[in-house]
């Protein structure tokens, strides 16, 4: 089963090998949509430092790094 955390970290290779998405075109489209989802995601539940707001003010594309950085801040 793929939960939200796993979904945010899926790679094209994992889509092919583990999920069975054999079409390269479908994998590329899925990854593109996943990147859009990462940008649009609400990270407030894991982002007590408001890092996402800072990254969004610099460039919306940087928002995708909020989740990964937040994981390391909790260590």
N, C-alpha and C. Protein backbone atom coordinates (compact mmCIF):
# COMPACT_ATOMS: atom_id res chain seq x y z
N UNK A 1 0.85 -1.18 0.00
CA UNK A 1 0.00 0.00 0.00
C UNK A 1 0.90 1.25 0.00
N UNK A 2 0.52 2.21 -0.79
CA UNK A 2 1.28 3.46 -0.89
C UNK A 2 0.57 4.53 -0.08
N UNK A 3 1.23 5.04 0.95
CA UNK A 3 0.65 6.14 1.73
C UNK A 3 1.26 7.46 1.26
N UNK A 4 0.87 8.54 1.88
CA UNK A 4 1.33 9.86 1.46
C UNK A 4 2.82 10.04 1.53
N UNK A 5 3.45 9.52 2.58
CA UNK A 5 4.89 9.64 2.73
C UNK A 5 5.62 8.90 1.61
N UNK A 6 5.20 7.69 1.33
CA UNK A 6 5.83 6.92 0.25
C UNK A 6 5.58 7.59 -1.09
N UNK A 7 4.39 8.08 -1.30
CA UNK A 7 4.05 8.74 -2.56
C UNK A 7 4.98 9.91 -2.83
N UNK A 8 5.27 10.70 -1.81
CA UNK A 8 6.13 11.87 -1.99
C UNK A 8 7.57 11.50 -2.36
N UNK A 9 7.95 10.26 -2.10
CA UNK A 9 9.33 9.84 -2.36
C UNK A 9 9.49 8.86 -3.52
N UNK A 10 8.41 8.52 -4.21
CA UNK A 10 8.50 7.56 -5.31
C UNK A 10 9.42 8.05 -6.42
N UNK A 11 10.19 7.14 -6.96
CA UNK A 11 11.05 7.44 -8.10
C UNK A 11 10.48 6.75 -9.33
N UNK A 12 10.96 7.17 -10.49
CA UNK A 12 10.51 6.55 -11.73
C UNK A 12 10.86 5.05 -11.74
N UNK A 13 12.02 4.71 -11.22
CA UNK A 13 12.43 3.31 -11.17
C UNK A 13 11.50 2.49 -10.28
N UNK A 14 11.08 3.05 -9.14
CA UNK A 14 10.16 2.34 -8.24
C UNK A 14 8.78 2.18 -8.87
N UNK A 15 8.36 3.18 -9.63
CA UNK A 15 7.07 3.06 -10.32
C UNK A 15 7.09 1.87 -11.28
N UNK A 16 8.20 1.70 -11.96
CA UNK A 16 8.32 0.60 -12.91
C UNK A 16 8.47 -0.74 -12.19
N UNK A 17 9.43 -0.82 -11.28
CA UNK A 17 9.79 -2.08 -10.64
C UNK A 17 8.76 -2.53 -9.60
N UNK A 18 8.37 -1.65 -8.70
CA UNK A 18 7.54 -2.04 -7.56
C UNK A 18 6.04 -1.92 -7.81
N UNK A 19 5.65 -0.95 -8.61
CA UNK A 19 4.23 -0.73 -8.85
C UNK A 19 3.79 -1.35 -10.17
N UNK A 20 4.75 -1.62 -11.05
CA UNK A 20 4.43 -2.27 -12.32
C UNK A 20 3.97 -1.34 -13.42
N UNK A 21 4.33 -0.07 -13.33
CA UNK A 21 3.96 0.90 -14.36
C UNK A 21 4.98 0.76 -15.49
N UNK A 22 4.64 -0.05 -16.50
CA UNK A 22 5.62 -0.39 -17.53
C UNK A 22 5.82 0.69 -18.58
N UNK A 23 4.83 1.51 -18.83
CA UNK A 23 4.94 2.55 -19.85
C UNK A 23 5.80 3.71 -19.35
N UNK A 24 6.89 3.97 -20.05
CA UNK A 24 7.75 5.09 -19.70
C UNK A 24 7.03 6.42 -19.78
N UNK A 25 6.14 6.55 -20.75
CA UNK A 25 5.36 7.78 -20.91
C UNK A 25 4.44 7.99 -19.71
N UNK A 26 3.80 6.92 -19.26
CA UNK A 26 2.92 7.04 -18.08
C UNK A 26 3.72 7.40 -16.84
N UNK A 27 4.91 6.80 -16.70
CA UNK A 27 5.75 7.13 -15.54
C UNK A 27 6.16 8.59 -15.55
N UNK A 28 6.56 9.09 -16.71
CA UNK A 28 6.96 10.50 -16.81
C UNK A 28 5.79 11.43 -16.49
N UNK A 29 4.61 11.10 -17.00
CA UNK A 29 3.42 11.91 -16.69
C UNK A 29 3.10 11.86 -15.20
N UNK A 30 3.20 10.66 -14.61
CA UNK A 30 2.92 10.51 -13.18
C UNK A 30 3.90 11.34 -12.36
N UNK A 31 5.19 11.26 -12.69
CA UNK A 31 6.22 12.02 -11.97
C UNK A 31 5.96 13.52 -12.11
N UNK A 32 5.57 13.96 -13.32
CA UNK A 32 5.27 15.38 -13.54
C UNK A 32 4.11 15.82 -12.64
N UNK A 33 3.05 15.01 -12.58
CA UNK A 33 1.91 15.35 -11.73
C UNK A 33 2.28 15.28 -10.25
N UNK A 34 3.14 14.34 -9.90
CA UNK A 34 3.60 14.23 -8.51
C UNK A 34 4.38 15.48 -8.10
N UNK A 35 5.21 16.00 -9.00
CA UNK A 35 5.95 17.23 -8.71
C UNK A 35 4.98 18.40 -8.51
N UNK A 36 3.93 18.47 -9.31
CA UNK A 36 2.92 19.52 -9.14
C UNK A 36 2.22 19.37 -7.79
N UNK A 37 1.93 18.13 -7.42
CA UNK A 37 1.30 17.87 -6.12
C UNK A 37 2.21 18.30 -4.98
N UNK A 38 3.49 18.03 -5.09
CA UNK A 38 4.44 18.43 -4.05
C UNK A 38 4.47 19.94 -3.88
N UNK A 39 4.38 20.67 -4.98
CA UNK A 39 4.38 22.14 -4.91
C UNK A 39 3.10 22.65 -4.27
N UNK A 40 1.97 22.03 -4.60
CA UNK A 40 0.67 22.49 -4.11
C UNK A 40 0.32 21.96 -2.72
N UNK A 41 1.09 21.02 -2.21
CA UNK A 41 0.77 20.37 -0.93
C UNK A 41 0.78 21.35 0.24
N UNK A 42 -0.05 21.05 1.23
CA UNK A 42 -0.08 21.82 2.47
C UNK A 42 0.85 21.12 3.46
N UNK A 43 1.98 21.73 3.74
CA UNK A 43 2.98 21.13 4.61
C UNK A 43 2.86 21.60 6.06
N UNK A 44 1.81 22.31 6.39
CA UNK A 44 1.71 22.90 7.73
C UNK A 44 1.76 21.88 8.86
N UNK A 45 1.31 20.66 8.62
CA UNK A 45 1.32 19.64 9.67
C UNK A 45 2.74 19.19 10.03
N UNK A 46 3.68 19.33 9.10
CA UNK A 46 5.06 18.90 9.36
C UNK A 46 6.05 20.06 9.30
N UNK A 47 5.53 21.28 9.18
CA UNK A 47 6.40 22.44 8.97
C UNK A 47 6.16 23.51 10.03
N UNK A 48 6.57 23.20 11.26
CA UNK A 48 6.38 24.16 12.35
C UNK A 48 7.24 25.40 12.18
N UNK A 49 8.31 25.31 11.39
CA UNK A 49 9.22 26.43 11.21
C UNK A 49 8.77 27.39 10.10
N UNK A 50 7.68 27.06 9.41
CA UNK A 50 7.18 27.86 8.28
C UNK A 50 8.20 27.95 7.14
N UNK A 51 9.00 26.92 7.01
CA UNK A 51 9.98 26.86 5.93
C UNK A 51 9.29 26.93 4.57
N UNK A 52 8.14 26.28 4.44
CA UNK A 52 7.43 26.28 3.16
C UNK A 52 7.09 27.70 2.71
N UNK A 53 6.66 28.53 3.63
CA UNK A 53 6.34 29.92 3.26
C UNK A 53 7.57 30.64 2.74
N UNK A 54 8.70 30.43 3.39
CA UNK A 54 9.95 31.05 2.93
C UNK A 54 10.32 30.56 1.54
N UNK A 55 10.30 29.24 1.36
CA UNK A 55 10.66 28.68 0.05
C UNK A 55 9.70 29.14 -1.04
N UNK A 56 8.41 29.19 -0.73
CA UNK A 56 7.42 29.65 -1.71
C UNK A 56 7.67 31.10 -2.10
N UNK A 57 8.11 31.92 -1.14
CA UNK A 57 8.37 33.32 -1.46
C UNK A 57 9.58 33.47 -2.38
N UNK A 58 10.52 32.54 -2.29
CA UNK A 58 11.69 32.56 -3.17
C UNK A 58 11.34 32.02 -4.55
N UNK A 59 10.67 30.88 -4.57
CA UNK A 59 10.26 30.25 -5.83
C UNK A 59 9.33 29.08 -5.49
N UNK A 60 8.13 29.02 -6.06
CA UNK A 60 7.21 27.93 -5.76
C UNK A 60 7.82 26.54 -5.98
N UNK A 61 8.72 26.41 -6.94
CA UNK A 61 9.33 25.11 -7.20
C UNK A 61 10.17 24.61 -6.03
N UNK A 62 10.64 25.52 -5.18
CA UNK A 62 11.45 25.14 -4.02
C UNK A 62 10.60 24.50 -2.92
N UNK A 63 9.31 24.68 -2.98
CA UNK A 63 8.41 24.14 -1.97
C UNK A 63 8.53 22.63 -1.83
N UNK A 64 8.93 21.94 -2.89
CA UNK A 64 9.03 20.48 -2.85
C UNK A 64 10.07 20.01 -1.84
N UNK A 65 10.98 20.89 -1.42
CA UNK A 65 12.02 20.50 -0.47
C UNK A 65 11.56 20.61 0.99
N UNK A 66 10.43 21.22 1.24
CA UNK A 66 9.93 21.42 2.60
C UNK A 66 9.83 20.11 3.36
N UNK A 67 9.22 19.12 2.75
CA UNK A 67 8.98 17.85 3.43
C UNK A 67 10.29 17.16 3.81
N UNK A 68 11.23 17.10 2.88
CA UNK A 68 12.51 16.44 3.17
C UNK A 68 13.26 17.17 4.28
N UNK A 69 13.31 18.48 4.23
CA UNK A 69 14.01 19.26 5.25
C UNK A 69 13.31 19.12 6.60
N UNK A 70 11.99 19.12 6.62
CA UNK A 70 11.24 18.99 7.87
C UNK A 70 11.53 17.66 8.55
N UNK A 71 11.75 16.61 7.78
CA UNK A 71 12.09 15.32 8.37
C UNK A 71 13.39 15.40 9.16
N UNK A 72 14.37 16.12 8.63
CA UNK A 72 15.67 16.24 9.30
C UNK A 72 15.61 17.20 10.49
N UNK A 73 14.71 18.17 10.47
CA UNK A 73 14.59 19.10 11.59
C UNK A 73 14.03 18.42 12.82
N UNK A 74 13.26 17.33 12.62
CA UNK A 74 12.66 16.61 13.74
C UNK A 74 13.61 15.64 14.42
N UNK A 75 14.78 15.42 13.85
CA UNK A 75 15.71 14.43 14.42
C UNK A 75 16.30 14.87 15.72
